[in-house]
């Protein structure tokens, strides 16, 4: 997907400065959904040996 962000001052779910920097340095920006705390609690309970 291609979106022109040159004139934008903000984005809905991402920091525009980080997005622009990532595009300049890496050539792409990858946005992942935030992990829920419930998921992390489940992982910690099942990985007590770590």
PDB file of N, CA and C in Angstrom:
ATOM      1  N   UNK A   1       0.847  -1.165   0.000  1.00  0.00           N
ATOM      2  CA  UNK A   1       0.000   0.000   0.000  1.00  0.00           C
ATOM      3  C   UNK A   1       0.897   1.235   0.000  1.00  0.00           C
ATOM      4  N   UNK A   2       0.569   2.191  -0.797  1.00  0.00           N
ATOM      5  CA  UNK A   2       1.334   3.427  -0.886  1.00  0.00           C
ATOM      6  C   UNK A   2       0.455   4.583  -0.422  1.00  0.00           C
ATOM      7  N   UNK A   3       0.970   5.351   0.539  1.00  0.00           N
ATOM      8  CA  UNK A   3       0.246   6.501   1.077  1.00  0.00           C
ATOM      9  C   UNK A   3       1.203   7.681   1.113  1.00  0.00           C
ATOM     10  N   UNK A   4       0.777   8.817   0.591  1.00  0.00           N
ATOM     11  CA  UNK A   4       1.589  10.026   0.619  1.00  0.00           C
ATOM     12  C   UNK A   4       1.442  10.679   1.991  1.00  0.00           C
ATOM     13  N   UNK A   5       2.533  10.734   2.758  1.00  0.00           N
ATOM     14  CA  UNK A   5       2.479  11.322   4.103  1.00  0.00           C
ATOM     15  C   UNK A   5       3.276  12.617   4.197  1.00  0.00           C
ATOM     16  N   UNK A   6       3.678  13.163   3.050  1.00  0.00           N
ATOM     17  CA  UNK A   6       4.492  14.386   3.050  1.00  0.00           C
ATOM     18  C   UNK A   6       3.812  15.550   3.762  1.00  0.00           C
ATOM     19  N   UNK A   7       2.527  15.739   3.541  1.00  0.00           N
ATOM     20  CA  UNK A   7       1.820  16.894   4.104  1.00  0.00           C
ATOM     21  C   UNK A   7       1.129  16.590   5.430  1.00  0.00           C
ATOM     22  N   UNK A   8       1.189  15.356   5.873  1.00  0.00           N
ATOM     23  CA  UNK A   8       0.523  14.982   7.128  1.00  0.00           C
ATOM     24  C   UNK A   8       1.347  15.411   8.329  1.00  0.00           C
ATOM     25  N   UNK A   9       0.653  15.826   9.388  1.00  0.00           N
ATOM     26  CA  UNK A   9       1.320  16.218  10.626  1.00  0.00           C
ATOM     27  C   UNK A   9       1.228  15.130  11.679  1.00  0.00           C
ATOM     28  N   UNK A  10       0.243  14.234  11.544  1.00  0.00           N
ATOM     29  CA  UNK A  10       0.104  13.137  12.498  1.00  0.00           C
ATOM     30  C   UNK A  10      -0.589  11.964  11.825  1.00  0.00           C
ATOM     31  N   UNK A  11      -0.435  10.811  12.441  1.00  0.00           N
ATOM     32  CA  UNK A  11      -1.099   9.591  12.000  1.00  0.00           C
ATOM     33  C   UNK A  11      -1.951   9.065  13.146  1.00  0.00           C
ATOM     34  N   UNK A  12      -2.883   8.199  12.842  1.00  0.00           N
ATOM     35  CA  UNK A  12      -3.820   7.714  13.855  1.00  0.00           C
ATOM     36  C   UNK A  12      -3.140   6.883  14.941  1.00  0.00           C
ATOM     37  N   UNK A  13      -2.315   5.912  14.557  1.00  0.00           N
ATOM     38  CA  UNK A  13      -1.774   4.975  15.539  1.00  0.00           C
ATOM     39  C   UNK A  13      -0.256   4.912  15.581  1.00  0.00           C
ATOM     40  N   UNK A  14       0.416   5.800  14.872  1.00  0.00           N
ATOM     41  CA  UNK A  14       1.879   5.751  14.836  1.00  0.00           C
ATOM     42  C   UNK A  14       2.446   7.160  14.916  1.00  0.00           C
ATOM     43  N   UNK A  15       3.657   7.246  15.424  1.00  0.00           N
ATOM     44  CA  UNK A  15       4.359   8.523  15.502  1.00  0.00           C
ATOM     45  C   UNK A  15       4.894   8.867  14.111  1.00  0.00           C
ATOM     46  N   UNK A  16       4.453   9.977  13.559  1.00  0.00           N
ATOM     47  CA  UNK A  16       4.812  10.355  12.189  1.00  0.00           C
ATOM     48  C   UNK A  16       6.321  10.503  12.011  1.00  0.00           C
ATOM     49  N   UNK A  17       7.017  10.972  13.036  1.00  0.00           N
ATOM     50  CA  UNK A  17       8.471  11.128  12.945  1.00  0.00           C
ATOM     51  C   UNK A  17       9.154   9.770  12.820  1.00  0.00           C
ATOM     52  N   UNK A  18       8.711   8.800  13.615  1.00  0.00           N
ATOM     53  CA  UNK A  18       9.289   7.453  13.547  1.00  0.00           C
ATOM     54  C   UNK A  18       9.006   6.803  12.196  1.00  0.00           C
ATOM     55  N   UNK A  19       7.805   7.035  11.674  1.00  0.00           N
ATOM     56  CA  UNK A  19       7.447   6.466  10.373  1.00  0.00           C
ATOM     57  C   UNK A  19       8.337   7.053   9.281  1.00  0.00           C
ATOM     58  N   UNK A  20       8.474   8.372   9.269  1.00  0.00           N
ATOM     59  CA  UNK A  20       9.315   9.022   8.252  1.00  0.00           C
ATOM     60  C   UNK A  20      10.771   8.578   8.359  1.00  0.00           C
ATOM     61  N   UNK A  21      11.295   8.512   9.589  1.00  0.00           N
ATOM     62  CA  UNK A  21      12.683   8.077   9.784  1.00  0.00           C
ATOM     63  C   UNK A  21      12.889   6.651   9.292  1.00  0.00           C
ATOM     64  N   UNK A  22      11.945   5.779   9.616  1.00  0.00           N
ATOM     65  CA  UNK A  22      12.047   4.387   9.191  1.00  0.00           C
ATOM     66  C   UNK A  22      11.988   4.272   7.669  1.00  0.00           C
ATOM     67  N   UNK A  23      11.141   5.074   7.044  1.00  0.00           N
ATOM     68  CA  UNK A  23      11.053   5.049   5.587  1.00  0.00           C
ATOM     69  C   UNK A  23      12.347   5.531   4.942  1.00  0.00           C
ATOM     70  N   UNK A  24      12.969   6.544   5.530  1.00  0.00           N
ATOM     71  CA  UNK A  24      14.223   7.062   4.974  1.00  0.00           C
ATOM     72  C   UNK A  24      15.370   6.077   5.161  1.00  0.00           C
ATOM     73  N   UNK A  25      15.467   5.476   6.348  1.00  0.00           N
ATOM     74  CA  UNK A  25      16.587   4.588   6.668  1.00  0.00           C
ATOM     75  C   UNK A  25      16.388   3.192   6.082  1.00  0.00           C
ATOM     76  N   UNK A  26      15.229   2.588   6.369  1.00  0.00           N
ATOM     77  CA  UNK A  26      14.984   1.195   5.993  1.00  0.00           C
ATOM     78  C   UNK A  26      14.242   1.036   4.668  1.00  0.00           C
ATOM     79  N   UNK A  27      13.503   2.067   4.280  1.00  0.00           N
ATOM     80  CA  UNK A  27      12.706   1.969   3.060  1.00  0.00           C
ATOM     81  C   UNK A  27      11.314   1.423   3.296  1.00  0.00           C
ATOM     82  N   UNK A  28      10.991   1.110   4.548  1.00  0.00           N
ATOM     83  CA  UNK A  28       9.655   0.611   4.885  1.00  0.00           C
ATOM     84  C   UNK A  28       9.363   0.905   6.347  1.00  0.00           C
ATOM     85  N   UNK A  29       8.094   0.803   6.727  1.00  0.00           N
ATOM     86  CA  UNK A  29       7.677   0.925   8.125  1.00  0.00           C
ATOM     87  C   UNK A  29       6.721  -0.218   8.409  1.00  0.00           C
ATOM     88  N   UNK A  30       7.012  -0.991   9.426  1.00  0.00           N
ATOM     89  CA  UNK A  30       6.182  -2.128   9.799  1.00  0.00           C
ATOM     90  C   UNK A  30       5.473  -1.817  11.099  1.00  0.00           C
ATOM     91  N   UNK A  31       4.142  -1.794  11.056  1.00  0.00           N
ATOM     92  CA  UNK A  31       3.345  -1.526  12.250  1.00  0.00           C
ATOM     93  C   UNK A  31       2.650  -2.812  12.667  1.00  0.00           C
ATOM     94  N   UNK A  32       2.918  -3.238  13.884  1.00  0.00           N
ATOM     95  CA  UNK A  32       2.315  -4.448  14.424  1.00  0.00           C
ATOM     96  C   UNK A  32       1.295  -4.081  15.491  1.00  0.00           C
ATOM     97  N   UNK A  33       0.273  -4.904  15.665  1.00  0.00           N
ATOM     98  CA  UNK A  33      -0.687  -4.617  16.733  1.00  0.00           C
ATOM     99  C   UNK A  33      -0.032  -4.808  18.098  1.00  0.00           C
ATOM    100  N   UNK A  34      -0.433  -4.022  19.075  1.00  0.00           N
ATOM    101  CA  UNK A  34       0.150  -4.174  20.414  1.00  0.00           C
ATOM    102  C   UNK A  34      -0.242  -5.513  21.027  1.00  0.00           C
ATOM    103  N   UNK A  35       0.696  -6.101  21.776  1.00  0.00           N
ATOM    104  CA  UNK A  35       0.390  -7.352  22.462  1.00  0.00           C
ATOM    105  C   UNK A  35      -0.426  -7.045  23.702  1.00  0.00           C
ATOM    106  N   UNK A  36      -1.371  -7.901  23.983  1.00  0.00           N
ATOM    107  CA  UNK A  36      -2.179  -7.696  25.178  1.00  0.00           C
ATOM    108  C   UNK A  36      -1.460  -8.272  26.393  1.00  0.00           C
ATOM    109  N   UNK A  37      -1.721  -7.709  27.539  1.00  0.00           N
ATOM    110  CA  UNK A  37      -1.106  -8.192  28.777  1.00  0.00           C
ATOM    111  C   UNK A  37      -1.567  -9.602  29.113  1.00  0.00           C
ATOM    112  N   UNK A  38      -2.780  -9.957  28.723  1.00  0.00           N
ATOM    113  CA  UNK A  38      -3.300 -11.298  28.992  1.00  0.00           C
ATOM    114  C   UNK A  38      -2.450 -12.329  28.259  1.00  0.00           C
ATOM    115  N   UNK A  39      -2.097 -12.020  27.038  1.00  0.00           N
ATOM    116  CA  UNK A  39      -1.250 -12.928  26.267  1.00  0.00           C
ATOM    117  C   UNK A  39       0.103 -13.105  26.934  1.00  0.00           C
ATOM    118  N   UNK A  40       0.706 -12.015  27.372  1.00  0.00           N
ATOM    119  CA  UNK A  40       2.009 -12.095  28.029  1.00  0.00           C
ATOM    120  C   UNK A  40       1.925 -12.852  29.351  1.00  0.00           C
ATOM    121  N   UNK A  41       0.873 -12.684  30.096  1.00  0.00           N
ATOM    122  CA  UNK A  41       0.707 -13.428  31.347  1.00  0.00           C
ATOM    123  C   UNK A  41       0.626 -14.920  31.056  1.00  0.00           C
ATOM    124  N   UNK A  42      -0.099 -15.291  30.028  1.00  0.00           N
ATOM    125  CA  UNK A  42      -0.226 -16.695  29.650  1.00  0.00           C
ATOM    126  C   UNK A  42       1.141 -17.266  29.262  1.00  0.00           C
ATOM    127  N   UNK A  43       1.919 -16.513  28.528  1.00  0.00           N
ATOM    128  CA  UNK A  43       3.254 -16.960  28.125  1.00  0.00           C
ATOM    129  C   UNK A  43       4.156 -17.119  29.343  1.00  0.00           C
ATOM    130  N   UNK A  44       4.121 -16.171  30.248  1.00  0.00           N
ATOM    131  CA  UNK A  44       4.971 -16.243  31.448  1.00  0.00           C
ATOM    132  C   UNK A  44       4.613 -17.443  32.319  1.00  0.00           C
ATOM    133  N   UNK A  45       3.329 -17.736  32.452  1.00  0.00           N
ATOM    134  CA  UNK A  45       2.895 -18.871  33.271  1.00  0.00           C
ATOM    135  C   UNK A  45       3.399 -20.177  32.667  1.00  0.00           C
ATOM    136  N   UNK A  46       3.328 -20.294  31.352  1.00  0.00           N
ATOM    137  CA  UNK A  46       3.727 -21.532  30.681  1.00  0.00           C
ATOM    138  C   UNK A  46       5.236 -21.668  30.503  1.00  0.00           C
ATOM    139  N   UNK A  47       5.983 -20.604  30.703  1.00  0.00           N
ATOM    140  CA  UNK A  47       7.432 -20.635  30.519  1.00  0.00           C
ATOM    141  C   UNK A  47       8.156 -20.340  31.829  1.00  0.00           C
ATOM    142  N   UNK A  48       7.825 -21.049  32.859  1.00  0.00           N
ATOM    143  CA  UNK A  48       8.436 -20.799  34.164  1.00  0.00           C
ATOM    144  C   UNK A  48       9.895 -21.250  34.215  1.00  0.00           C
ATOM    145  N   UNK A  49      10.323 -22.093  33.291  1.00  0.00           N
ATOM    146  CA  UNK A  49      11.699 -22.581  33.290  1.00  0.00           C
ATOM    147  C   UNK A  49      12.679 -21.540  32.764  1.00  0.00           C
ATOM    148  N   UNK A  50      12.194 -20.535  32.080  1.00  0.00           N
ATOM    149  CA  UNK A  50      13.094 -19.541  31.474  1.00  0.00           C
ATOM    150  C   UNK A  50      13.573 -18.541  32.467  1.00  0.00           C
TER     151      UNK A  50
END
